[in-house]
Amino acid sequence: MLVRIVKLSFKKEALSLFYKEFESHKHNIASFPGCRGMKLLKGTDDPTVVMTYSHWDNKDALNNYRESDLFTGLWTKIKPMFANKPEAWSHEIHFNGFKESKT
């Protein structure tokens, strides 16, 4: 399994538009083939920074999503809202001490 973390920094005036756009796509992203789940994390110290945290079957599943119309359409809409260049990391889980939850 692959864990993907993406840091997105938004222009302050674009935050509400981003959240509205995200709300309309979140279930499609989370149910995309090969995606085992996704969370959107809001910054507590800086509300303009959000991160996506997602689990994927493997790198190919993630790449299929990144090449999909779903991703391309969403990315095209939110890219002008960025204050800084997005950052992304992919990892494998070495240890999982989390209890399963729905949040």
N, C-alpha and C. Protein backbone atom coordinates (compact mmCIF):
# COMPACT_ATOMS: atom_id res chain seq x y z
N MET A 1 0.84 -1.17 0.00
CA MET A 1 0.00 0.00 0.00
C MET A 1 0.89 1.24 0.00
N LEU A 2 0.39 2.27 -0.66
CA LEU A 2 1.10 3.53 -0.79
C LEU A 2 0.32 4.63 -0.06
N VAL A 3 1.02 5.43 0.73
CA VAL A 3 0.42 6.59 1.39
C VAL A 3 0.90 7.82 0.65
N ARG A 4 -0.04 8.67 0.28
CA ARG A 4 0.29 9.90 -0.44
C ARG A 4 -0.12 11.10 0.40
N ILE A 5 0.80 12.00 0.61
CA ILE A 5 0.55 13.23 1.36
C ILE A 5 0.86 14.39 0.43
N VAL A 6 -0.10 15.29 0.28
CA VAL A 6 0.08 16.44 -0.60
C VAL A 6 -0.23 17.71 0.19
N LYS A 7 0.71 18.62 0.20
CA LYS A 7 0.56 19.91 0.89
C LYS A 7 0.16 20.97 -0.15
N LEU A 8 -0.96 21.63 0.14
CA LEU A 8 -1.47 22.67 -0.75
C LEU A 8 -1.60 23.97 0.04
N SER A 9 -0.99 25.04 -0.44
CA SER A 9 -1.10 26.36 0.18
C SER A 9 -1.95 27.23 -0.73
N PHE A 10 -3.01 27.80 -0.15
CA PHE A 10 -3.97 28.57 -0.93
C PHE A 10 -3.90 30.05 -0.61
N LYS A 11 -4.30 30.83 -1.59
CA LYS A 11 -4.51 32.25 -1.34
C LYS A 11 -5.70 32.35 -0.39
N LYS A 12 -5.60 33.23 0.59
CA LYS A 12 -6.63 33.33 1.62
C LYS A 12 -8.02 33.55 1.01
N GLU A 13 -8.10 34.38 0.01
CA GLU A 13 -9.40 34.69 -0.61
C GLU A 13 -9.97 33.53 -1.42
N ALA A 14 -9.17 32.51 -1.67
CA ALA A 14 -9.62 31.36 -2.47
C ALA A 14 -10.06 30.17 -1.63
N LEU A 15 -9.85 30.22 -0.32
CA LEU A 15 -10.14 29.06 0.54
C LEU A 15 -11.58 28.58 0.44
N SER A 16 -12.54 29.46 0.56
CA SER A 16 -13.94 29.02 0.54
C SER A 16 -14.29 28.40 -0.81
N LEU A 17 -13.75 28.93 -1.88
CA LEU A 17 -14.00 28.35 -3.21
C LEU A 17 -13.37 26.96 -3.32
N PHE A 18 -12.16 26.80 -2.76
CA PHE A 18 -11.53 25.49 -2.77
C PHE A 18 -12.38 24.47 -2.02
N TYR A 19 -12.82 24.82 -0.81
CA TYR A 19 -13.60 23.87 -0.01
C TYR A 19 -14.91 23.50 -0.72
N LYS A 20 -15.51 24.44 -1.38
CA LYS A 20 -16.74 24.17 -2.13
C LYS A 20 -16.44 23.18 -3.27
N GLU A 21 -15.36 23.41 -3.97
CA GLU A 21 -14.96 22.52 -5.07
C GLU A 21 -14.62 21.13 -4.54
N PHE A 22 -13.89 21.08 -3.44
CA PHE A 22 -13.51 19.80 -2.84
C PHE A 22 -14.74 19.00 -2.43
N GLU A 23 -15.70 19.67 -1.80
CA GLU A 23 -16.93 18.99 -1.36
C GLU A 23 -17.63 18.28 -2.50
N SER A 24 -17.60 18.85 -3.67
CA SER A 24 -18.31 18.25 -4.80
C SER A 24 -17.54 17.08 -5.43
N HIS A 25 -16.28 16.88 -5.04
CA HIS A 25 -15.46 15.82 -5.64
C HIS A 25 -14.96 14.77 -4.64
N LYS A 26 -15.07 15.04 -3.35
CA LYS A 26 -14.40 14.19 -2.36
C LYS A 26 -14.82 12.72 -2.41
N HIS A 27 -16.09 12.45 -2.61
CA HIS A 27 -16.53 11.05 -2.63
C HIS A 27 -16.06 10.33 -3.89
N ASN A 28 -15.99 11.04 -5.00
CA ASN A 28 -15.47 10.44 -6.24
C ASN A 28 -13.99 10.12 -6.11
N ILE A 29 -13.24 10.99 -5.45
CA ILE A 29 -11.82 10.74 -5.25
C ILE A 29 -11.63 9.54 -4.32
N ALA A 30 -12.34 9.54 -3.19
CA ALA A 30 -12.18 8.48 -2.20
C ALA A 30 -12.62 7.12 -2.72
N SER A 31 -13.52 7.11 -3.70
CA SER A 31 -13.99 5.83 -4.25
C SER A 31 -13.34 5.51 -5.60
N PHE A 32 -12.33 6.26 -5.99
CA PHE A 32 -11.65 5.99 -7.26
C PHE A 32 -10.99 4.61 -7.17
N PRO A 33 -11.02 3.84 -8.26
CA PRO A 33 -10.40 2.51 -8.23
C PRO A 33 -8.95 2.57 -7.74
N GLY A 34 -8.65 1.78 -6.72
CA GLY A 34 -7.31 1.72 -6.16
C GLY A 34 -7.10 2.63 -4.97
N CYS A 35 -8.07 3.52 -4.70
CA CYS A 35 -7.97 4.40 -3.52
C CYS A 35 -8.66 3.70 -2.36
N ARG A 36 -7.95 3.56 -1.25
CA ARG A 36 -8.51 2.90 -0.07
C ARG A 36 -9.11 3.91 0.92
N GLY A 37 -8.91 5.18 0.65
CA GLY A 37 -9.48 6.22 1.50
C GLY A 37 -8.64 7.47 1.45
N MET A 38 -9.27 8.57 1.88
CA MET A 38 -8.61 9.85 1.81
C MET A 38 -9.11 10.75 2.92
N LYS A 39 -8.24 11.61 3.40
CA LYS A 39 -8.61 12.63 4.39
C LYS A 39 -8.11 13.97 3.87
N LEU A 40 -8.86 15.01 4.23
CA LEU A 40 -8.39 16.37 3.98
C LEU A 40 -8.09 16.98 5.34
N LEU A 41 -6.87 17.44 5.53
CA LEU A 41 -6.43 17.99 6.80
C LEU A 41 -6.32 19.51 6.67
N LYS A 42 -6.95 20.22 7.62
CA LYS A 42 -6.90 21.68 7.63
C LYS A 42 -5.81 22.12 8.59
N GLY A 43 -5.05 23.14 8.21
CA GLY A 43 -4.01 23.67 9.07
C GLY A 43 -4.60 24.36 10.30
N THR A 44 -4.04 24.07 11.46
CA THR A 44 -4.52 24.73 12.68
C THR A 44 -3.78 26.04 12.93
N ASP A 45 -2.52 26.11 12.56
CA ASP A 45 -1.75 27.34 12.74
C ASP A 45 -1.87 28.26 11.53
N ASP A 46 -2.05 27.67 10.37
CA ASP A 46 -2.18 28.45 9.14
C ASP A 46 -3.33 27.85 8.33
N PRO A 47 -4.51 28.46 8.38
CA PRO A 47 -5.68 27.88 7.70
C PRO A 47 -5.58 27.87 6.18
N THR A 48 -4.58 28.54 5.62
CA THR A 48 -4.42 28.52 4.16
C THR A 48 -3.68 27.28 3.69
N VAL A 49 -3.17 26.49 4.63
CA VAL A 49 -2.46 25.25 4.28
C VAL A 49 -3.36 24.06 4.57
N VAL A 50 -3.59 23.26 3.54
CA VAL A 50 -4.33 22.01 3.71
C VAL A 50 -3.48 20.87 3.15
N MET A 51 -3.75 19.68 3.63
CA MET A 51 -3.04 18.51 3.13
C MET A 51 -4.04 17.41 2.83
N THR A 52 -3.77 16.70 1.77
CA THR A 52 -4.53 15.48 1.52
C THR A 52 -3.68 14.31 1.99
N TYR A 53 -4.34 13.35 2.59
CA TYR A 53 -3.70 12.14 3.10
C TYR A 53 -4.51 10.99 2.53
N SER A 54 -3.90 10.22 1.65
CA SER A 54 -4.66 9.16 0.98
C SER A 54 -3.86 7.86 0.94
N HIS A 55 -4.61 6.76 0.90
CA HIS A 55 -4.02 5.42 0.79
C HIS A 55 -4.40 4.85 -0.58
N TRP A 56 -3.42 4.27 -1.25
CA TRP A 56 -3.60 3.71 -2.59
C TRP A 56 -3.09 2.28 -2.61
N ASP A 57 -3.69 1.46 -3.45
CA ASP A 57 -3.24 0.07 -3.56
C ASP A 57 -1.75 0.00 -3.91
N ASN A 58 -1.34 0.86 -4.83
CA ASN A 58 0.05 0.88 -5.28
C ASN A 58 0.29 2.14 -6.11
N LYS A 59 1.51 2.29 -6.59
CA LYS A 59 1.89 3.46 -7.38
C LYS A 59 1.07 3.56 -8.67
N ASP A 60 0.80 2.41 -9.29
CA ASP A 60 0.02 2.42 -10.53
C ASP A 60 -1.38 2.96 -10.30
N ALA A 61 -2.00 2.60 -9.18
CA ALA A 61 -3.35 3.09 -8.87
C ALA A 61 -3.32 4.61 -8.70
N LEU A 62 -2.32 5.11 -7.99
CA LEU A 62 -2.18 6.56 -7.82
C LEU A 62 -1.97 7.23 -9.17
N ASN A 63 -1.11 6.68 -9.99
CA ASN A 63 -0.85 7.27 -11.31
C ASN A 63 -2.09 7.24 -12.19
N ASN A 64 -2.89 6.19 -12.10
CA ASN A 64 -4.15 6.14 -12.86
C ASN A 64 -5.07 7.28 -12.45
N TYR A 65 -5.13 7.56 -11.15
CA TYR A 65 -5.92 8.69 -10.67
C TYR A 65 -5.34 10.01 -11.20
N ARG A 66 -4.04 10.18 -11.10
CA ARG A 66 -3.40 11.43 -11.52
C ARG A 66 -3.55 11.67 -13.02
N GLU A 67 -3.79 10.62 -13.79
CA GLU A 67 -3.98 10.76 -15.24
C GLU A 67 -5.45 10.77 -15.63
N SER A 68 -6.34 10.73 -14.64
CA SER A 68 -7.78 10.65 -14.91
C SER A 68 -8.40 12.02 -15.19
N ASP A 69 -9.58 11.99 -15.82
CA ASP A 69 -10.34 13.21 -16.05
C ASP A 69 -10.76 13.84 -14.72
N LEU A 70 -11.04 13.02 -13.72
CA LEU A 70 -11.43 13.52 -12.41
C LEU A 70 -10.33 14.41 -11.83
N PHE A 71 -9.10 13.90 -11.79
CA PHE A 71 -7.98 14.67 -11.27
C PHE A 71 -7.70 15.90 -12.13
N THR A 72 -7.62 15.71 -13.43
CA THR A 72 -7.29 16.81 -14.34
C THR A 72 -8.30 17.94 -14.22
N GLY A 73 -9.59 17.59 -14.17
CA GLY A 73 -10.63 18.61 -14.06
C GLY A 73 -10.54 19.38 -12.75
N LEU A 74 -10.33 18.66 -11.65
CA LEU A 74 -10.22 19.33 -10.35
C LEU A 74 -8.95 20.17 -10.28
N TRP A 75 -7.84 19.62 -10.71
CA TRP A 75 -6.56 20.32 -10.64
C TRP A 75 -6.60 21.60 -11.47
N THR A 76 -7.22 21.56 -12.62
CA THR A 76 -7.34 22.74 -13.48
C THR A 76 -8.09 23.85 -12.76
N LYS A 77 -9.11 23.48 -11.99
CA LYS A 77 -9.91 24.48 -11.27
C LYS A 77 -9.18 25.06 -10.07
N ILE A 78 -8.44 24.23 -9.33
CA ILE A 78 -7.84 24.72 -8.09
C ILE A 78 -6.43 25.28 -8.26
N LYS A 79 -5.75 24.93 -9.32
CA LYS A 79 -4.37 25.39 -9.50
C LYS A 79 -4.23 26.92 -9.43
N PRO A 80 -5.12 27.71 -10.02
CA PRO A 80 -4.98 29.17 -9.90
C PRO A 80 -5.18 29.69 -8.47
N MET A 81 -5.70 28.86 -7.58
CA MET A 81 -5.95 29.26 -6.20
C MET A 81 -4.72 29.12 -5.31
N PHE A 82 -3.67 28.46 -5.80
CA PHE A 82 -2.49 28.19 -4.98
C PHE A 82 -1.69 29.46 -4.70
N ALA A 83 -1.20 29.56 -3.47
CA ALA A 83 -0.30 30.64 -3.09
C ALA A 83 1.15 30.22 -3.31
N ASN A 84 1.40 28.92 -3.21
CA ASN A 84 2.74 28.36 -3.41
C ASN A 84 2.63 27.06 -4.19
N LYS A 85 3.75 26.60 -4.67
CA LYS A 85 3.79 25.34 -5.40
C LYS A 85 3.44 24.18 -4.46
N PRO A 86 2.55 23.28 -4.88
CA PRO A 86 2.22 22.12 -4.05
C PRO A 86 3.45 21.23 -3.81
N GLU A 87 3.43 20.54 -2.70
CA GLU A 87 4.47 19.57 -2.36
C GLU A 87 3.80 18.23 -2.15
N ALA A 88 4.46 17.15 -2.55
CA ALA A 88 3.85 15.82 -2.42
C ALA A 88 4.91 14.80 -2.03
N TRP A 89 4.46 13.82 -1.24
CA TRP A 89 5.32 12.74 -0.79
C TRP A 89 4.55 11.43 -0.88
N SER A 90 5.25 10.37 -1.25
CA SER A 90 4.68 9.02 -1.27
C SER A 90 5.50 8.14 -0.34
N HIS A 91 4.80 7.33 0.46
CA HIS A 91 5.46 6.48 1.45
C HIS A 91 4.76 5.14 1.55
N GLU A 92 5.49 4.16 2.04
CA GLU A 92 4.90 2.90 2.45
C GLU A 92 4.80 2.93 3.97
N ILE A 93 3.79 2.29 4.52
CA ILE A 93 3.62 2.27 5.98
C ILE A 93 4.61 1.27 6.58
N HIS A 94 5.40 1.74 7.51
CA HIS A 94 6.34 0.88 8.22
C HIS A 94 5.72 0.39 9.53
N PHE A 95 4.93 1.25 10.18
CA PHE A 95 4.23 0.90 11.41
C PHE A 95 2.93 1.69 11.44
N ASN A 96 1.84 1.05 11.84
CA ASN A 96 0.55 1.72 11.94
C ASN A 96 0.01 1.52 13.35
N GLY A 97 0.07 2.56 14.16
CA GLY A 97 -0.44 2.49 15.52
C GLY A 97 -1.80 3.15 15.67
N PHE A 98 -2.44 3.49 14.54
CA PHE A 98 -3.75 4.10 14.58
C PHE A 98 -4.85 3.05 14.72
N LYS A 99 -5.87 3.39 15.49
CA LYS A 99 -7.07 2.58 15.54
C LYS A 99 -7.92 2.98 14.35
N GLU A 100 -8.63 2.05 13.78
CA GLU A 100 -9.47 2.35 12.63
C GLU A 100 -10.59 3.31 13.06
N SER A 101 -10.87 4.31 12.22
CA SER A 101 -11.94 5.26 12.48
C SER A 101 -12.55 5.71 11.18
N LYS A 102 -13.68 6.37 11.26
CA LYS A 102 -14.38 6.85 10.08
C LYS A 102 -14.05 8.31 9.77
N THR A 103 -13.26 8.97 10.58
CA THR A 103 -12.94 10.38 10.36
C THR A 103 -11.63 10.56 9.66
